[in-house]
PDB file of all heavy atoms in Angstrom:
ATOM      1  N   THR A   1      16.779 108.825  84.185  1.00  0.00           N
ATOM      2  CA  THR A   1      17.076 110.251  84.276  1.00  0.00           C
ATOM      3  C   THR A   1      16.748 110.786  85.666  1.00  0.00           C
ATOM      4  O   THR A   1      15.670 110.541  86.193  1.00  0.00           O
ATOM      5  CB  THR A   1      16.276 111.032  83.217  1.00  0.00           C
ATOM      6  OG1 THR A   1      16.573 110.476  81.934  1.00  0.00           O
ATOM      7  CG2 THR A   1      16.630 112.505  83.236  1.00  0.00           C
ATOM      8  N   ALA A   2      17.722 111.471  86.258  1.00  0.00           N
ATOM      9  CA  ALA A   2      17.578 112.119  87.563  1.00  0.00           C
ATOM     10  C   ALA A   2      17.108 111.131  88.649  1.00  0.00           C
ATOM     11  O   ALA A   2      16.362 111.490  89.547  1.00  0.00           O
ATOM     12  CB  ALA A   2      16.636 113.305  87.481  1.00  0.00           C
ATOM     13  N   ALA A   3      17.563 109.890  88.566  1.00  0.00           N
ATOM     14  CA  ALA A   3      17.128 108.855  89.517  1.00  0.00           C
ATOM     15  C   ALA A   3      17.899 108.880  90.832  1.00  0.00           C
ATOM     16  O   ALA A   3      17.532 108.202  91.784  1.00  0.00           O
ATOM     17  CB  ALA A   3      17.255 107.488  88.878  1.00  0.00           C
ATOM     18  N   PHE A   4      18.972 109.652  90.891  1.00  0.00           N
ATOM     19  CA  PHE A   4      19.780 109.752  92.108  1.00  0.00           C
ATOM     20  C   PHE A   4      19.929 111.227  92.444  1.00  0.00           C
ATOM     21  O   PHE A   4      20.064 112.063  91.543  1.00  0.00           O
ATOM     22  CB  PHE A   4      21.165 109.126  91.875  1.00  0.00           C
ATOM     23  CG  PHE A   4      22.019 109.075  93.102  1.00  0.00           C
ATOM     24  CD1 PHE A   4      21.927 108.009  93.986  1.00  0.00           C
ATOM     25  CD2 PHE A   4      22.915 110.100  93.383  1.00  0.00           C
ATOM     26  CE1 PHE A   4      22.723 107.961  95.121  1.00  0.00           C
ATOM     27  CE2 PHE A   4      23.703 110.060  94.517  1.00  0.00           C
ATOM     28  CZ  PHE A   4      23.613 108.988  95.390  1.00  0.00           C
ATOM     29  N   THR A   5      19.875 111.554  93.738  1.00  0.00           N
ATOM     30  CA  THR A   5      20.024 112.944  94.146  1.00  0.00           C
ATOM     31  C   THR A   5      21.178 113.080  95.129  1.00  0.00           C
ATOM     32  O   THR A   5      21.200 112.407  96.167  1.00  0.00           O
ATOM     33  CB  THR A   5      18.735 113.472  94.815  1.00  0.00           C
ATOM     34  OG1 THR A   5      17.658 113.340  93.883  1.00  0.00           O
ATOM     35  CG2 THR A   5      18.885 114.931  95.213  1.00  0.00           C
ATOM     36  N   TYR A   6      22.138 113.917  94.776  1.00  0.00           N
ATOM     37  CA  TYR A   6      23.216 114.262  95.692  1.00  0.00           C
ATOM     38  C   TYR A   6      22.710 115.366  96.613  1.00  0.00           C
ATOM     39  O   TYR A   6      22.087 116.323  96.144  1.00  0.00           O
ATOM     40  CB  TYR A   6      24.425 114.820  94.936  1.00  0.00           C
ATOM     41  CG  TYR A   6      25.267 113.805  94.222  1.00  0.00           C
ATOM     42  CD1 TYR A   6      25.016 113.466  92.905  1.00  0.00           C
ATOM     43  CD2 TYR A   6      26.342 113.216  94.866  1.00  0.00           C
ATOM     44  CE1 TYR A   6      25.816 112.548  92.239  1.00  0.00           C
ATOM     45  CE2 TYR A   6      27.146 112.297  94.204  1.00  0.00           C
ATOM     46  CZ  TYR A   6      26.871 111.974  92.899  1.00  0.00           C
ATOM     47  OH  TYR A   6      27.673 111.076  92.252  1.00  0.00           O
ATOM     48  N   SER A   7      22.960 115.209  97.902  1.00  0.00           N
ATOM     49  CA  SER A   7      22.615 116.286  98.825  1.00  0.00           C
ATOM     50  C   SER A   7      23.660 116.328  99.928  1.00  0.00           C
ATOM     51  O   SER A   7      24.191 115.298 100.335  1.00  0.00           O
ATOM     52  CB  SER A   7      21.219 116.082  99.413  1.00  0.00           C
ATOM     53  OG  SER A   7      21.181 114.932 100.216  1.00  0.00           O
ATOM     54  N   PHE A   8      23.957 117.525 100.360  1.00  0.00           N
ATOM     55  CA  PHE A   8      24.942 117.718 101.406  1.00  0.00           C
ATOM     56  C   PHE A   8      24.346 118.662 102.435  1.00  0.00           C
ATOM     57  O   PHE A   8      24.037 119.811 102.116  1.00  0.00           O
ATOM     58  CB  PHE A   8      26.238 118.315 100.836  1.00  0.00           C
ATOM     59  CG  PHE A   8      26.837 117.465  99.750  1.00  0.00           C
ATOM     60  CD1 PHE A   8      26.648 117.787  98.421  1.00  0.00           C
ATOM     61  CD2 PHE A   8      27.547 116.322 100.059  1.00  0.00           C
ATOM     62  CE1 PHE A   8      27.179 116.997  97.419  1.00  0.00           C
ATOM     63  CE2 PHE A   8      28.078 115.514  99.064  1.00  0.00           C
ATOM     64  CZ  PHE A   8      27.893 115.862  97.747  1.00  0.00           C
ATOM     65  N   ASP A   9      24.137 118.147 103.642  1.00  0.00           N
ATOM     66  CA  ASP A   9      23.555 118.976 104.690  1.00  0.00           C
ATOM     67  C   ASP A   9      24.529 120.060 105.142  1.00  0.00           C
ATOM     68  O   ASP A   9      24.145 121.180 105.378  1.00  0.00           O
ATOM     69  CB  ASP A   9      23.159 118.114 105.885  1.00  0.00           C
ATOM     70  CG  ASP A   9      22.060 117.132 105.518  1.00  0.00           C
ATOM     71  OD1 ASP A   9      21.270 117.445 104.613  1.00  0.00           O
ATOM     72  OD2 ASP A   9      21.999 116.063 106.139  1.00  0.00           O
ATOM     73  N   GLU A  10      25.771 119.708 105.267  1.00  0.00           N
ATOM     74  CA  GLU A  10      26.797 120.643 105.683  1.00  0.00           C
ATOM     75  C   GLU A  10      28.043 120.366 104.850  1.00  0.00           C
ATOM     76  O   GLU A  10      28.267 119.241 104.426  1.00  0.00           O
ATOM     77  CB  GLU A  10      27.151 120.435 107.155  1.00  0.00           C
ATOM     78  CG  GLU A  10      26.003 120.664 108.115  1.00  0.00           C
ATOM     79  CD  GLU A  10      26.388 120.336 109.543  1.00  0.00           C
ATOM     80  OE1 GLU A  10      27.542 120.568 109.929  1.00  0.00           O
ATOM     81  OE2 GLU A  10      25.526 119.833 110.265  1.00  0.00           O
ATOM     82  N   PRO A  11      28.862 121.364 104.654  1.00  0.00           N
ATOM     83  CA  PRO A  11      30.084 121.119 103.882  1.00  0.00           C
ATOM     84  C   PRO A  11      31.138 120.376 104.699  1.00  0.00           C
ATOM     85  O   PRO A  11      31.167 120.461 105.923  1.00  0.00           O
ATOM     86  CB  PRO A  11      30.568 122.525 103.535  1.00  0.00           C
ATOM     87  CG  PRO A  11      30.026 123.384 104.631  1.00  0.00           C
ATOM     88  CD  PRO A  11      28.713 122.753 105.026  1.00  0.00           C
ATOM     89  N   TYR A  12      31.977 119.642 104.004  1.00  0.00           N
ATOM     90  CA  TYR A  12      33.167 119.066 104.623  1.00  0.00           C
ATOM     91  C   TYR A  12      34.167 120.221 104.731  1.00  0.00           C
ATOM     92  O   TYR A  12      34.304 121.013 103.803  1.00  0.00           O
ATOM     93  CB  TYR A  12      33.752 117.968 103.743  1.00  0.00           C
ATOM     94  CG  TYR A  12      32.943 116.690 103.750  1.00  0.00           C
ATOM     95  CD1 TYR A  12      31.728 116.609 103.096  1.00  0.00           C
ATOM     96  CD2 TYR A  12      33.412 115.568 104.413  1.00  0.00           C
ATOM     97  CE1 TYR A  12      30.990 115.431 103.102  1.00  0.00           C
ATOM     98  CE2 TYR A  12      32.691 114.383 104.413  1.00  0.00           C
ATOM     99  CZ  TYR A  12      31.480 114.330 103.766  1.00  0.00           C
ATOM    100  OH  TYR A  12      30.763 113.178 103.769  1.00  0.00           O
ATOM    101  N   THR A  13      34.853 120.332 105.856  1.00  0.00           N
ATOM    102  CA  THR A  13      35.835 121.404 106.021  1.00  0.00           C
ATOM    103  C   THR A  13      37.158 120.834 106.511  1.00  0.00           C
ATOM    104  O   THR A  13      37.191 119.814 107.201  1.00  0.00           O
ATOM    105  CB  THR A  13      35.364 122.464 107.028  1.00  0.00           C
ATOM    106  OG1 THR A  13      35.238 121.869 108.321  1.00  0.00           O
ATOM    107  CG2 THR A  13      34.044 123.085 106.617  1.00  0.00           C
ATOM    108  N   VAL A  14      38.224 121.502 106.138  1.00  0.00           N
ATOM    109  CA  VAL A  14      39.567 121.172 106.596  1.00  0.00           C
ATOM    110  C   VAL A  14      40.226 122.509 106.940  1.00  0.00           C
ATOM    111  O   VAL A  14      40.343 123.380 106.071  1.00  0.00           O
ATOM    112  CB  VAL A  14      40.383 120.447 105.510  1.00  0.00           C
ATOM    113  CG1 VAL A  14      41.732 120.024 106.053  1.00  0.00           C
ATOM    114  CG2 VAL A  14      39.638 119.252 104.971  1.00  0.00           C
ATOM    115  N   THR A  15      40.647 122.673 108.199  1.00  0.00           N
ATOM    116  CA  THR A  15      41.157 123.960 108.658  1.00  0.00           C
ATOM    117  C   THR A  15      42.497 123.791 109.348  1.00  0.00           C
ATOM    118  O   THR A  15      42.587 123.098 110.371  1.00  0.00           O
ATOM    119  CB  THR A  15      40.157 124.606 109.640  1.00  0.00           C
ATOM    120  OG1 THR A  15      38.862 124.627 109.035  1.00  0.00           O
ATOM    121  CG2 THR A  15      40.584 126.007 110.010  1.00  0.00           C
ATOM    122  N   PRO A  16      43.548 124.425 108.808  1.00  0.00           N
ATOM    123  CA  PRO A  16      44.844 124.349 109.488  1.00  0.00           C
ATOM    124  C   PRO A  16      44.823 125.186 110.758  1.00  0.00           C
ATOM    125  O   PRO A  16      44.101 126.184 110.848  1.00  0.00           O
ATOM    126  CB  PRO A  16      45.822 124.921 108.458  1.00  0.00           C
ATOM    127  CG  PRO A  16      44.993 125.799 107.586  1.00  0.00           C
ATOM    128  CD  PRO A  16      43.606 125.215 107.584  1.00  0.00           C
ATOM    129  N   GLY A  17      45.630 124.788 111.746  1.00  0.00           N
ATOM    130  CA  GLY A  17      45.713 125.527 113.002  1.00  0.00           C
ATOM    131  C   GLY A  17      46.529 126.795 112.889  1.00  0.00           C
ATOM    132  O   GLY A  17      46.505 127.630 113.793  1.00  0.00           O
ATOM    133  N   THR A  18      47.258 126.968 111.788  1.00  0.00           N
ATOM    134  CA  THR A  18      48.096 128.145 111.571  1.00  0.00           C
ATOM    135  C   THR A  18      48.249 128.378 110.084  1.00  0.00           C
ATOM    136  O   THR A  18      48.015 127.466 109.286  1.00  0.00           O
ATOM    137  CB  THR A  18      49.485 127.955 112.225  1.00  0.00           C
ATOM    138  OG1 THR A  18      50.230 129.157 112.099  1.00  0.00           O
ATOM    139  CG2 THR A  18      50.250 126.804 111.593  1.00  0.00           C
ATOM    140  N   ASP A  19      48.657 129.580 109.718  1.00  0.00           N
ATOM    141  CA  ASP A  19      48.917 129.832 108.297  1.00  0.00           C
ATOM    142  C   ASP A  19      50.409 129.822 107.979  1.00  0.00           C
ATOM    143  O   ASP A  19      50.802 129.899 106.819  1.00  0.00           O
ATOM    144  CB  ASP A  19      48.272 131.130 107.825  1.00  0.00           C
ATOM    145  CG  ASP A  19      48.789 132.356 108.571  1.00  0.00           C
ATOM    146  OD1 ASP A  19      49.597 132.204 109.509  1.00  0.00           O
ATOM    147  OD2 ASP A  19      48.379 133.466 108.205  1.00  0.00           O
ATOM    148  N   ALA A  20      51.257 129.684 109.020  1.00  0.00           N
ATOM    149  CA  ALA A  20      52.709 129.589 108.810  1.00  0.00           C
ATOM    150  C   ALA A  20      53.325 128.819 109.971  1.00  0.00           C
ATOM    151  O   ALA A  20      52.881 128.930 111.119  1.00  0.00           O
ATOM    152  CB  ALA A  20      53.324 130.977 108.708  1.00  0.00           C
ATOM    153  N   VAL A  21      54.365 128.035 109.656  1.00  0.00           N
ATOM    154  CA  VAL A  21      55.032 127.211 110.662  1.00  0.00           C
ATOM    155  C   VAL A  21      56.488 127.019 110.240  1.00  0.00           C
ATOM    156  O   VAL A  21      56.791 126.998 109.046  1.00  0.00           O
ATOM    157  CB  VAL A  21      54.309 125.855 110.837  1.00  0.00           C
ATOM    158  CG1 VAL A  21      54.341 125.044 109.565  1.00  0.00           C
ATOM    159  CG2 VAL A  21      54.842 125.070 112.004  1.00  0.00           C
ATOM    160  N   ASP A  22      57.365 126.874 111.209  1.00  0.00           N
ATOM    161  CA  ASP A  22      58.766 126.577 110.901  1.00  0.00           C
ATOM    162  C   ASP A  22      58.887 125.132 110.437  1.00  0.00           C
ATOM    163  O   ASP A  22      58.161 124.247 110.918  1.00  0.00           O
ATOM    164  CB  ASP A  22      59.640 126.782 112.134  1.00  0.00           C
ATOM    165  CG  ASP A  22      59.753 128.247 112.527  1.00  0.00           C
ATOM    166  OD1 ASP A  22      59.671 129.113 111.635  1.00  0.00           O
ATOM    167  OD2 ASP A  22      59.907 128.526 113.738  1.00  0.00           O
ATOM    168  N   ALA A  23      59.807 124.883 109.520  1.00  0.00           N
ATOM    169  CA  ALA A  23      60.055 123.522 109.036  1.00  0.00           C
ATOM    170  C   ALA A  23      60.356 122.617 110.226  1.00  0.00           C
ATOM    171  O   ALA A  23      61.143 122.968 111.100  1.00  0.00           O
ATOM    172  CB  ALA A  23      61.216 123.519 108.060  1.00  0.00           C
ATOM    173  N   GLY A  24      59.675 121.490 110.290  1.00  0.00           N
ATOM    174  CA  GLY A  24      59.867 120.548 111.385  1.00  0.00           C
ATOM    175  C   GLY A  24      59.139 120.915 112.667  1.00  0.00           C
ATOM    176  O   GLY A  24      59.211 120.187 113.649  1.00  0.00           O
TER     177      GLY A  24
END
């Protein structure tokens, strides 16, 4: 029981360079 601890120092992030783009 509770033998493993998950910890995250910082979040993983994914950020697009724009919120809209033309196809292609």
